[in-house]
Amino acid sequence: QVQFVESGGDLAQPGGSLRLSCVASGFEFRIYDMGWYRRAPGKEREWVAKISNSGAVDDVAESVKGRFIVSRDNAKNTVNLQMNSLEPEDTAVYYCNALVSYHSAEPRYDTWGQGTQVTVSS
């Protein structure tokens, strides 16, 4: 079955960096565009970043543009999110999922991983 296992979340200071990873299984990872999402306390889940199946094209939300970088390793069924210049507003649980399509921020699967907690605080 489809499975996502996110890791790398931690407590970080404002201005710091973290690198999140997500290992996916149960589907043909290399043919699907992938996305990162986050859910902050009291807020709806929001899309953060996306990357095409080959890794050739990627994009991030305006709120993290210039700070977050998404990448993937199809040999390891892994998608990563390098988070730099962290802000308290980045505090959230981060999740990954396959995308319906690159041009859509909609997640493909109803299944979600446990997520990884990122807390940005001094």
C-alpha atoms as a PDB file:
ATOM      1  CA  GLN A   1       0.000   0.000   0.000  1.00  0.00           C
ATOM      2  CA  VAL A   2       0.981   3.618  -0.416  1.00  0.00           C
ATOM      3  CA  GLN A   3       3.173   4.876   2.406  1.00  0.00           C
ATOM      4  CA  PHE A   4       5.040   8.080   3.201  1.00  0.00           C
ATOM      5  CA  VAL A   5       7.612   8.370   5.970  1.00  0.00           C
ATOM      6  CA  GLU A   6       8.753  11.912   6.724  1.00  0.00           C
ATOM      7  CA  SER A   7      11.748  12.765   8.873  1.00  0.00           C
ATOM      8  CA  GLY A   8      14.160  15.550   9.711  1.00  0.00           C
ATOM      9  CA  GLY A   9      11.921  17.868  11.678  1.00  0.00           C
ATOM     10  CA  ASP A  10      13.317  19.479  14.803  1.00  0.00           C
ATOM     11  CA  LEU A  11      13.406  22.601  16.920  1.00  0.00           C
ATOM     12  CA  ALA A  12      15.323  25.337  15.118  1.00  0.00           C
ATOM     13  CA  GLN A  13      16.125  28.947  15.844  1.00  0.00           C
ATOM     14  CA  PRO A  14      14.899  31.735  13.565  1.00  0.00           C
ATOM     15  CA  GLY A  15      17.347  32.032  10.692  1.00  0.00           C
ATOM     16  CA  GLY A  16      18.394  28.415  11.026  1.00  0.00           C
ATOM     17  CA  SER A  17      18.140  25.525   8.596  1.00  0.00           C
ATOM     18  CA  LEU A  18      16.640  22.060   8.484  1.00  0.00           C
ATOM     19  CA  ARG A  19      16.520  19.347   5.849  1.00  0.00           C
ATOM     20  CA  LEU A  20      13.411  17.205   5.636  1.00  0.00           C
ATOM     21  CA  SER A  21      13.202  13.877   3.839  1.00  0.00           C
ATOM     22  CA  CYS A  22      10.290  11.735   2.769  1.00  0.00           C
ATOM     23  CA  VAL A  23      10.595   8.121   1.689  1.00  0.00           C
ATOM     24  CA  ALA A  24       7.661   6.920  -0.397  1.00  0.00           C
ATOM     25  CA  SER A  25       6.610   3.379  -1.197  1.00  0.00           C
ATOM     26  CA  GLY A  26       3.706   1.429  -2.639  1.00  0.00           C
ATOM     27  CA  PHE A  27       3.612   3.195  -6.011  1.00  0.00           C
ATOM     28  CA  GLU A  28       5.966   3.855  -8.906  1.00  0.00           C
ATOM     29  CA  PHE A  29       7.663   6.872  -7.373  1.00  0.00           C
ATOM     30  CA  ARG A  30       9.698   7.892 -10.407  1.00  0.00           C
ATOM     31  CA  ILE A  31       6.672   8.588 -12.622  1.00  0.00           C
ATOM     32  CA  TYR A  32       4.846  10.905 -10.220  1.00  0.00           C
ATOM     33  CA  ASP A  33       5.296  14.550  -9.438  1.00  0.00           C
ATOM     34  CA  MET A  34       5.736  15.063  -5.699  1.00  0.00           C
ATOM     35  CA  GLY A  35       4.762  17.746  -3.244  1.00  0.00           C
ATOM     36  CA  TRP A  36       5.404  18.950   0.283  1.00  0.00           C
ATOM     37  CA  TYR A  37       2.616  20.278   2.462  1.00  0.00           C
ATOM     38  CA  ARG A  38       2.389  21.652   5.962  1.00  0.00           C
ATOM     39  CA  ARG A  39      -0.246  22.139   8.613  1.00  0.00           C
ATOM     40  CA  ALA A  40       0.327  24.822  11.207  1.00  0.00           C
ATOM     41  CA  PRO A  41      -1.557  24.792  14.521  1.00  0.00           C
ATOM     42  CA  GLY A  42      -5.119  25.943  14.002  1.00  0.00           C
ATOM     43  CA  LYS A  43      -4.712  26.271  10.243  1.00  0.00           C
ATOM     44  CA  GLU A  44      -5.627  24.296   7.169  1.00  0.00           C
ATOM     45  CA  ARG A  45      -3.057  22.203   5.356  1.00  0.00           C
ATOM     46  CA  GLU A  46      -1.223  24.215   2.723  1.00  0.00           C
ATOM     47  CA  TRP A  47       0.966  23.336  -0.218  1.00  0.00           C
ATOM     48  CA  VAL A  48       4.641  24.282   0.204  1.00  0.00           C
ATOM     49  CA  ALA A  49       6.679  22.857  -2.684  1.00  0.00           C
ATOM     50  CA  LYS A  50       6.458  20.622  -5.722  1.00  0.00           C
ATOM     51  CA  ILE A  51       8.843  18.867  -8.063  1.00  0.00           C
ATOM     52  CA  SER A  52       8.284  17.117 -11.367  1.00  0.00           C
ATOM     53  CA  ASN A  53       8.801  13.380 -11.736  1.00  0.00           C
ATOM     54  CA  SER A  54      12.228  13.804 -13.310  1.00  0.00           C
ATOM     55  CA  GLY A  55      13.268  16.557 -10.950  1.00  0.00           C
ATOM     56  CA  ALA A  56      13.839  18.940 -13.833  1.00  0.00           C
ATOM     57  CA  VAL A  57      11.177  21.423 -12.756  1.00  0.00           C
ATOM     58  CA  ASP A  58      10.202  22.585  -9.308  1.00  0.00           C
ATOM     59  CA  ASP A  59       8.391  25.396  -7.545  1.00  0.00           C
ATOM     60  CA  VAL A  60       7.674  26.610  -4.038  1.00  0.00           C
ATOM     61  CA  ALA A  61       4.944  28.683  -2.446  1.00  0.00           C
ATOM     62  CA  GLU A  62       5.428  32.442  -2.291  1.00  0.00           C
ATOM     63  CA  SER A  63       5.712  32.330   1.479  1.00  0.00           C
ATOM     64  CA  VAL A  64       8.885  30.221   1.268  1.00  0.00           C
ATOM     65  CA  LYS A  65      10.323  31.399  -2.037  1.00  0.00           C
ATOM     66  CA  GLY A  66      14.047  32.060  -1.840  1.00  0.00           C
ATOM     67  CA  ARG A  67      14.304  30.059   1.390  1.00  0.00           C
ATOM     68  CA  PHE A  68      13.145  26.482   0.644  1.00  0.00           C
ATOM     69  CA  ILE A  69      14.532  24.145  -2.004  1.00  0.00           C
ATOM     70  CA  VAL A  70      12.890  20.892  -3.070  1.00  0.00           C
ATOM     71  CA  SER A  71      14.781  17.972  -4.592  1.00  0.00           C
ATOM     72  CA  ARG A  72      14.320  14.259  -5.176  1.00  0.00           C
ATOM     73  CA  ASP A  73      16.290  11.066  -5.605  1.00  0.00           C
ATOM     74  CA  ASN A  74      14.337   8.595  -7.720  1.00  0.00           C
ATOM     75  CA  ALA A  75      16.841   5.828  -6.999  1.00  0.00           C
ATOM     76  CA  LYS A  76      15.929   6.095  -3.306  1.00  0.00           C
ATOM     77  CA  ASN A  77      12.222   6.963  -3.654  1.00  0.00           C
ATOM     78  CA  THR A  78      12.973  10.086  -1.661  1.00  0.00           C
ATOM     79  CA  VAL A  79      11.914  13.717  -1.865  1.00  0.00           C
ATOM     80  CA  ASN A  80      13.708  16.331   0.208  1.00  0.00           C
ATOM     81  CA  LEU A  81      13.001  19.839   1.423  1.00  0.00           C
ATOM     82  CA  GLN A  82      15.937  22.057   2.340  1.00  0.00           C
ATOM     83  CA  MET A  83      14.631  24.790   4.600  1.00  0.00           C
ATOM     84  CA  ASN A  84      16.821  27.854   5.115  1.00  0.00           C
ATOM     85  CA  SER A  85      16.299  31.187   6.877  1.00  0.00           C
ATOM     86  CA  LEU A  86      13.572  29.621   8.968  1.00  0.00           C
ATOM     87  CA  GLU A  87      10.895  31.866  10.432  1.00  0.00           C
ATOM     88  CA  PRO A  88       8.513  31.232  13.341  1.00  0.00           C
ATOM     89  CA  GLU A  89       5.711  31.155  10.744  1.00  0.00           C
ATOM     90  CA  ASP A  90       7.276  27.978   9.325  1.00  0.00           C
ATOM     91  CA  THR A  91       6.302  26.093  12.475  1.00  0.00           C
ATOM     92  CA  ALA A  92       4.095  23.215  11.334  1.00  0.00           C
ATOM     93  CA  VAL A  93       3.908  19.505  10.706  1.00  0.00           C
ATOM     94  CA  TYR A  94       5.299  18.786   7.252  1.00  0.00           C
ATOM     95  CA  TYR A  95       4.021  16.043   4.962  1.00  0.00           C
ATOM     96  CA  CYS A  96       4.737  14.773   1.465  1.00  0.00           C
ATOM     97  CA  ASN A  97       2.469  13.210  -1.109  1.00  0.00           C
ATOM     98  CA  ALA A  98       2.371  12.519  -4.794  1.00  0.00           C
ATOM     99  CA  LEU A  99       0.579  15.135  -6.893  1.00  0.00           C
ATOM    100  CA  VAL A 100      -2.428  14.730  -9.146  1.00  0.00           C
ATOM    101  CA  SER A 101      -0.293  16.606 -11.689  1.00  0.00           C
ATOM    102  CA  TYR A 102       2.578  19.088 -11.587  1.00  0.00           C
ATOM    103  CA  HIS A 103       0.215  21.955 -12.409  1.00  0.00           C
ATOM    104  CA  SER A 104      -2.068  21.030  -9.527  1.00  0.00           C
ATOM    105  CA  ALA A 105      -1.192  21.351  -5.853  1.00  0.00           C
ATOM    106  CA  GLU A 106      -3.723  18.668  -5.041  1.00  0.00           C
ATOM    107  CA  PRO A 107      -2.401  15.538  -3.350  1.00  0.00           C
ATOM    108  CA  ARG A 108      -2.917  12.329  -5.277  1.00  0.00           C
ATOM    109  CA  TYR A 109      -3.413   9.929  -2.372  1.00  0.00           C
ATOM    110  CA  ASP A 110      -5.720   9.998   0.625  1.00  0.00           C
ATOM    111  CA  THR A 111      -3.005   8.240   2.595  1.00  0.00           C
ATOM    112  CA  TRP A 112      -0.682  10.509   4.572  1.00  0.00           C
ATOM    113  CA  GLY A 113       2.371   9.809   6.669  1.00  0.00           C
ATOM    114  CA  GLN A 114       2.765  10.818  10.289  1.00  0.00           C
ATOM    115  CA  GLY A 115       4.513  13.991   9.215  1.00  0.00           C
ATOM    116  CA  THR A 116       7.547  15.590  10.795  1.00  0.00           C
ATOM    117  CA  GLN A 117       7.295  18.450  13.280  1.00  0.00           C
ATOM    118  CA  VAL A 118       9.208  21.641  12.582  1.00  0.00           C
ATOM    119  CA  THR A 119       9.276  24.213  15.354  1.00  0.00           C
ATOM    120  CA  VAL A 120      11.009  27.536  14.838  1.00  0.00           C
ATOM    121  CA  SER A 121      11.540  29.409  18.060  1.00  0.00           C
ATOM    122  CA  SER A 122      14.241  31.209  19.973  1.00  0.00           C
END
